[in-house]
Amino acid sequence: VQLQASGGGLVQTGGSLRLSCFVSGTNFHNYVMGWYRQVPGKQRELVAQVMINGAANYADSVKGRFTISRDNGQTAVYLQMNILKPEDTAVYYCNTIVPPPLTWGRGTQVTVSS
C-alpha cells in the first residue's frame, strides 16, 4: 500500500488549503483513515480521522476549522483546512488508523505565515 499526500503550500494566516491523499490497494473501504502532522522535534500528532462510514473526529486544535472526507471510489482522503494559523505549520501525512499505520509516505508541507 502506498500513500501519496499533496496539496500543501505557503498560505497567509486565515487562508485555506485542501490536502489530498491517494491510497493504493484494494482494501481502502475497510480502512479508518487519518491525517497526521509533525513539526520538527515533536511527535507526530493525529489531527483528524474518518471512519469507514464517513463519520469524522478531530483534535481540539483543529475542530471547527478542518474537515476530513473520503472517497472510496477514488481511494482518497481529503483534508479541507480553513482559517489557518501559524501553529498549523507542519508536514502533513495521511495514513491508516485501523489497521495500524502503514509505511509513512513523504507528506506535504504546510506553512502558514503570520
N, C-alpha and C. Protein backbone atom coordinates (compact mmCIF):
# COMPACT_ATOMS: atom_id res chain seq x y z
N VAL A 1 0.84 -1.19 0.00
CA VAL A 1 0.00 0.00 0.00
C VAL A 1 0.88 1.24 0.00
N GLN A 2 0.56 2.18 -0.88
CA GLN A 2 1.29 3.45 -0.92
C GLN A 2 0.34 4.60 -0.64
N LEU A 3 0.85 5.59 0.06
CA LEU A 3 0.06 6.75 0.43
C LEU A 3 0.76 7.99 -0.13
N GLN A 4 0.07 8.75 -0.94
CA GLN A 4 0.66 9.91 -1.58
C GLN A 4 -0.14 11.15 -1.23
N ALA A 5 0.44 11.99 -0.37
CA ALA A 5 -0.22 13.22 0.05
C ALA A 5 0.25 14.39 -0.80
N SER A 6 -0.65 15.32 -1.05
CA SER A 6 -0.31 16.51 -1.84
C SER A 6 -1.23 17.66 -1.45
N GLY A 7 -0.92 18.84 -1.95
CA GLY A 7 -1.79 19.99 -1.74
C GLY A 7 -1.27 21.01 -0.76
N GLY A 8 -0.13 20.74 -0.13
CA GLY A 8 0.42 21.70 0.80
C GLY A 8 0.96 22.93 0.09
N GLY A 9 1.40 23.89 0.89
CA GLY A 9 1.95 25.11 0.32
C GLY A 9 2.10 26.18 1.37
N LEU A 10 2.37 27.39 0.89
CA LEU A 10 2.52 28.55 1.75
C LEU A 10 1.25 29.38 1.67
N VAL A 11 0.70 29.73 2.82
CA VAL A 11 -0.55 30.48 2.86
C VAL A 11 -0.48 31.46 4.03
N GLN A 12 -1.20 32.54 3.90
CA GLN A 12 -1.24 33.52 4.99
C GLN A 12 -2.23 33.09 6.07
N THR A 13 -2.03 33.64 7.25
CA THR A 13 -2.97 33.39 8.34
C THR A 13 -4.39 33.71 7.89
N GLY A 14 -5.30 32.79 8.21
CA GLY A 14 -6.69 32.95 7.80
C GLY A 14 -7.02 32.31 6.47
N GLY A 15 -6.02 31.85 5.77
CA GLY A 15 -6.23 31.25 4.47
C GLY A 15 -6.68 29.81 4.55
N SER A 16 -6.79 29.19 3.38
CA SER A 16 -7.27 27.81 3.27
C SER A 16 -6.39 26.99 2.36
N LEU A 17 -6.36 25.71 2.61
CA LEU A 17 -5.72 24.74 1.74
C LEU A 17 -6.54 23.46 1.77
N ARG A 18 -6.43 22.69 0.71
CA ARG A 18 -7.09 21.37 0.66
C ARG A 18 -6.03 20.34 0.34
N LEU A 19 -5.84 19.43 1.26
CA LEU A 19 -4.89 18.34 1.07
C LEU A 19 -5.60 17.12 0.51
N SER A 20 -4.87 16.39 -0.32
CA SER A 20 -5.39 15.16 -0.90
C SER A 20 -4.43 14.02 -0.62
N CYS A 21 -4.96 12.84 -0.51
CA CYS A 21 -4.12 11.65 -0.31
C CYS A 21 -4.76 10.50 -1.06
N PHE A 22 -3.99 9.95 -1.98
CA PHE A 22 -4.45 8.80 -2.73
C PHE A 22 -3.77 7.56 -2.21
N VAL A 23 -4.55 6.52 -2.03
CA VAL A 23 -4.09 5.30 -1.38
C VAL A 23 -4.20 4.16 -2.37
N SER A 24 -3.08 3.49 -2.60
CA SER A 24 -3.12 2.34 -3.49
C SER A 24 -3.65 1.13 -2.74
N GLY A 25 -4.01 0.07 -3.45
CA GLY A 25 -4.51 -1.13 -2.80
C GLY A 25 -6.02 -1.23 -2.91
N THR A 26 -6.54 -2.37 -2.52
CA THR A 26 -7.95 -2.67 -2.77
C THR A 26 -8.80 -2.66 -1.51
N ASN A 27 -8.21 -2.46 -0.34
CA ASN A 27 -8.96 -2.55 0.91
C ASN A 27 -9.28 -1.19 1.52
N PHE A 28 -9.15 -0.13 0.73
CA PHE A 28 -9.32 1.22 1.26
C PHE A 28 -10.65 1.37 1.99
N HIS A 29 -11.70 0.78 1.46
CA HIS A 29 -13.03 0.98 2.04
C HIS A 29 -13.13 0.37 3.44
N ASN A 30 -12.17 -0.47 3.80
CA ASN A 30 -12.14 -1.09 5.13
C ASN A 30 -11.23 -0.37 6.12
N TYR A 31 -10.57 0.68 5.65
CA TYR A 31 -9.61 1.39 6.49
C TYR A 31 -10.27 2.57 7.19
N VAL A 32 -9.95 2.75 8.47
CA VAL A 32 -10.18 4.02 9.13
C VAL A 32 -8.96 4.87 8.80
N MET A 33 -9.17 6.04 8.25
CA MET A 33 -8.07 6.87 7.76
C MET A 33 -7.88 8.12 8.61
N GLY A 34 -6.66 8.60 8.62
CA GLY A 34 -6.39 9.81 9.39
C GLY A 34 -5.41 10.73 8.71
N TRP A 35 -5.47 11.99 9.08
CA TRP A 35 -4.44 12.96 8.73
C TRP A 35 -3.65 13.27 10.00
N TYR A 36 -2.35 13.20 9.85
CA TYR A 36 -1.43 13.47 10.93
C TYR A 36 -0.57 14.67 10.54
N ARG A 37 0.07 15.28 11.53
CA ARG A 37 1.03 16.32 11.21
C ARG A 37 2.19 16.24 12.19
N GLN A 38 3.34 16.75 11.72
CA GLN A 38 4.54 16.70 12.54
C GLN A 38 5.35 17.96 12.33
N VAL A 39 5.78 18.52 13.45
CA VAL A 39 6.69 19.65 13.47
C VAL A 39 8.05 19.13 13.89
N PRO A 40 9.13 19.61 13.29
CA PRO A 40 10.47 19.12 13.67
C PRO A 40 10.68 19.16 15.18
N GLY A 41 11.18 18.06 15.71
CA GLY A 41 11.47 17.98 17.13
C GLY A 41 10.29 17.58 17.99
N LYS A 42 9.13 17.39 17.36
CA LYS A 42 7.94 17.00 18.12
C LYS A 42 7.37 15.71 17.55
N GLN A 43 6.57 15.05 18.38
CA GLN A 43 5.93 13.81 17.95
C GLN A 43 4.86 14.10 16.90
N ARG A 44 4.67 13.15 16.04
CA ARG A 44 3.59 13.23 15.07
C ARG A 44 2.26 13.16 15.80
N GLU A 45 1.32 14.02 15.41
CA GLU A 45 0.02 14.02 16.08
C GLU A 45 -1.10 13.78 15.06
N LEU A 46 -2.13 13.11 15.54
CA LEU A 46 -3.31 12.87 14.72
C LEU A 46 -4.23 14.07 14.82
N VAL A 47 -4.60 14.65 13.69
CA VAL A 47 -5.46 15.83 13.73
C VAL A 47 -6.89 15.54 13.30
N ALA A 48 -7.08 14.51 12.48
CA ALA A 48 -8.44 14.20 12.03
C ALA A 48 -8.51 12.74 11.60
N GLN A 49 -9.66 12.13 11.82
CA GLN A 49 -9.85 10.76 11.38
C GLN A 49 -11.24 10.61 10.77
N VAL A 50 -11.33 9.74 9.80
CA VAL A 50 -12.62 9.47 9.17
C VAL A 50 -12.86 7.96 9.19
N MET A 51 -14.03 7.62 9.69
CA MET A 51 -14.41 6.22 9.84
C MET A 51 -14.83 5.62 8.50
N ILE A 52 -15.08 4.33 8.52
CA ILE A 52 -15.50 3.64 7.31
C ILE A 52 -16.82 4.21 6.79
N ASN A 53 -17.69 4.63 7.70
CA ASN A 53 -18.99 5.17 7.30
C ASN A 53 -18.97 6.67 7.03
N GLY A 54 -17.77 7.26 7.11
CA GLY A 54 -17.65 8.69 6.83
C GLY A 54 -17.71 9.59 8.05
N ALA A 55 -18.06 9.06 9.21
CA ALA A 55 -18.06 9.87 10.42
C ALA A 55 -16.64 10.34 10.72
N ALA A 56 -16.54 11.53 11.29
CA ALA A 56 -15.22 12.14 11.49
C ALA A 56 -15.02 12.59 12.93
N ASN A 57 -13.77 12.60 13.34
CA ASN A 57 -13.37 13.14 14.64
C ASN A 57 -12.15 14.03 14.44
N TYR A 58 -12.02 15.01 15.32
CA TYR A 58 -10.95 15.99 15.17
C TYR A 58 -10.25 16.27 16.49
N ALA A 59 -8.98 16.62 16.38
CA ALA A 59 -8.27 17.15 17.54
C ALA A 59 -8.87 18.50 17.90
N ASP A 60 -8.84 18.82 19.18
CA ASP A 60 -9.42 20.09 19.62
C ASP A 60 -8.80 21.29 18.91
N SER A 61 -7.53 21.17 18.58
CA SER A 61 -6.80 22.30 17.99
C SER A 61 -7.30 22.66 16.59
N VAL A 62 -7.99 21.73 15.92
CA VAL A 62 -8.44 21.99 14.55
C VAL A 62 -9.95 21.92 14.41
N LYS A 63 -10.64 21.57 15.47
CA LYS A 63 -12.10 21.41 15.42
C LYS A 63 -12.75 22.71 14.98
N GLY A 64 -13.66 22.60 14.03
CA GLY A 64 -14.36 23.78 13.53
C GLY A 64 -13.64 24.47 12.38
N ARG A 65 -12.40 24.09 12.13
CA ARG A 65 -11.62 24.71 11.04
C ARG A 65 -11.26 23.71 9.95
N PHE A 66 -11.04 22.45 10.32
CA PHE A 66 -10.64 21.42 9.37
C PHE A 66 -11.81 20.46 9.14
N THR A 67 -11.87 19.93 7.92
CA THR A 67 -12.88 18.93 7.58
C THR A 67 -12.22 17.80 6.82
N ILE A 68 -12.36 16.59 7.33
CA ILE A 68 -11.82 15.41 6.66
C ILE A 68 -12.95 14.72 5.91
N SER A 69 -12.61 14.18 4.76
CA SER A 69 -13.60 13.42 4.00
C SER A 69 -12.89 12.32 3.23
N ARG A 70 -13.68 11.39 2.72
CA ARG A 70 -13.10 10.27 1.98
C ARG A 70 -13.95 9.99 0.76
N ASP A 71 -13.31 9.43 -0.24
CA ASP A 71 -13.97 8.98 -1.47
C ASP A 71 -13.50 7.57 -1.72
N ASN A 72 -14.33 6.61 -1.40
CA ASN A 72 -13.91 5.21 -1.54
C ASN A 72 -13.71 4.83 -3.01
N GLY A 73 -14.46 5.43 -3.90
CA GLY A 73 -14.30 5.14 -5.31
C GLY A 73 -12.94 5.59 -5.84
N GLN A 74 -12.47 6.72 -5.33
CA GLN A 74 -11.17 7.25 -5.72
C GLN A 74 -10.06 6.77 -4.81
N THR A 75 -10.40 5.98 -3.80
CA THR A 75 -9.46 5.56 -2.73
C THR A 75 -8.64 6.76 -2.27
N ALA A 76 -9.36 7.80 -1.88
CA ALA A 76 -8.71 9.06 -1.50
C ALA A 76 -9.30 9.58 -0.20
N VAL A 77 -8.49 10.33 0.50
CA VAL A 77 -8.93 11.03 1.69
C VAL A 77 -8.46 12.47 1.57
N TYR A 78 -9.30 13.39 2.01
CA TYR A 78 -9.04 14.80 1.85
C TYR A 78 -9.08 15.52 3.19
N LEU A 79 -8.38 16.64 3.26
CA LEU A 79 -8.43 17.48 4.44
C LEU A 79 -8.59 18.93 3.99
N GLN A 80 -9.77 19.48 4.20
CA GLN A 80 -10.02 20.88 3.93
C GLN A 80 -9.64 21.67 5.18
N MET A 81 -8.71 22.58 5.02
CA MET A 81 -8.20 23.36 6.15
C MET A 81 -8.55 24.82 5.94
N ASN A 82 -9.34 25.36 6.83
CA ASN A 82 -9.75 26.76 6.76
C ASN A 82 -9.24 27.51 7.99
N ILE A 83 -9.27 28.82 7.89
CA ILE A 83 -8.85 29.70 8.99
C ILE A 83 -7.51 29.22 9.55
N LEU A 84 -6.56 29.05 8.67
CA LEU A 84 -5.26 28.51 9.07
C LEU A 84 -4.52 29.48 9.97
N LYS A 85 -3.77 28.90 10.89
CA LYS A 85 -3.00 29.65 11.86
C LYS A 85 -1.52 29.28 11.74
N PRO A 86 -0.62 30.14 12.18
CA PRO A 86 0.81 29.79 12.11
C PRO A 86 1.12 28.47 12.82
N GLU A 87 0.40 28.16 13.88
CA GLU A 87 0.66 26.91 14.59
C GLU A 87 0.21 25.67 13.83
N ASP A 88 -0.45 25.86 12.71
CA ASP A 88 -0.79 24.73 11.84
C ASP A 88 0.38 24.34 10.93
N THR A 89 1.42 25.14 10.93
CA THR A 89 2.60 24.85 10.12
C THR A 89 3.20 23.51 10.52
N ALA A 90 3.34 22.61 9.55
CA ALA A 90 3.83 21.25 9.82
C ALA A 90 3.91 20.50 8.49
N VAL A 91 4.49 19.33 8.56
CA VAL A 91 4.36 18.38 7.46
C VAL A 91 3.16 17.51 7.76
N TYR A 92 2.26 17.41 6.79
CA TYR A 92 1.03 16.66 6.95
C TYR A 92 1.13 15.32 6.22
N TYR A 93 0.68 14.29 6.90
CA TYR A 93 0.71 12.94 6.36
C TYR A 93 -0.69 12.33 6.46
N CYS A 94 -1.01 11.47 5.53
CA CYS A 94 -2.18 10.63 5.72
C CYS A 94 -1.70 9.21 5.99
N ASN A 95 -2.50 8.47 6.72
CA ASN A 95 -2.18 7.08 6.97
C ASN A 95 -3.40 6.41 7.57
N THR A 96 -3.32 5.12 7.69
CA THR A 96 -4.40 4.39 8.32
C THR A 96 -4.35 4.56 9.83
N ILE A 97 -5.51 4.38 10.44
CA ILE A 97 -5.59 4.26 11.88
C ILE A 97 -5.95 2.81 12.20
N VAL A 98 -6.92 2.31 11.46
CA VAL A 98 -7.24 0.89 11.51
C VAL A 98 -7.16 0.37 10.08
N PRO A 99 -6.26 -0.53 9.79
CA PRO A 99 -5.25 -1.15 10.64
C PRO A 99 -4.22 -0.11 11.10
N PRO A 100 -3.33 -0.46 11.99
CA PRO A 100 -2.32 0.50 12.47
C PRO A 100 -1.55 1.10 11.30
N PRO A 101 -0.99 2.29 11.50
CA PRO A 101 -0.34 3.00 10.39
C PRO A 101 0.62 2.13 9.59
N LEU A 102 0.51 2.28 8.29
CA LEU A 102 1.35 1.58 7.35
C LEU A 102 2.63 2.38 7.13
N THR A 103 3.44 1.97 6.18
CA THR A 103 4.66 2.71 5.88
C THR A 103 4.31 4.16 5.55
N TRP A 104 5.01 5.10 6.18
CA TRP A 104 4.70 6.51 6.00
C TRP A 104 5.18 7.01 4.65
N GLY A 105 4.36 7.81 4.00
CA GLY A 105 4.76 8.48 2.78
C GLY A 105 5.56 9.73 3.12
N ARG A 106 5.84 10.54 2.09
CA ARG A 106 6.68 11.72 2.28
C ARG A 106 5.96 12.86 2.97
N GLY A 107 4.66 12.92 2.91
CA GLY A 107 3.95 14.03 3.50
C GLY A 107 3.97 15.25 2.60
N THR A 108 3.23 16.26 3.02
CA THR A 108 3.17 17.51 2.28
C THR A 108 3.31 18.67 3.26
N GLN A 109 4.18 19.61 2.92
CA GLN A 109 4.49 20.71 3.83
C GLN A 109 3.40 21.79 3.76
N VAL A 110 2.93 22.20 4.92
CA VAL A 110 2.00 23.33 5.04
C VAL A 110 2.70 24.39 5.87
N THR A 111 2.81 25.58 5.32
CA THR A 111 3.42 26.69 6.03
C THR A 111 2.44 27.85 6.06
N VAL A 112 2.15 28.32 7.27
CA VAL A 112 1.21 29.43 7.44
C VAL A 112 1.99 30.63 7.96
N SER A 113 2.01 31.68 7.18
CA SER A 113 2.76 32.87 7.58
C SER A 113 1.87 33.80 8.40
N SER A 114 2.50 34.49 9.33
CA SER A 114 1.74 35.41 10.21
C SER A 114 1.68 36.81 9.62
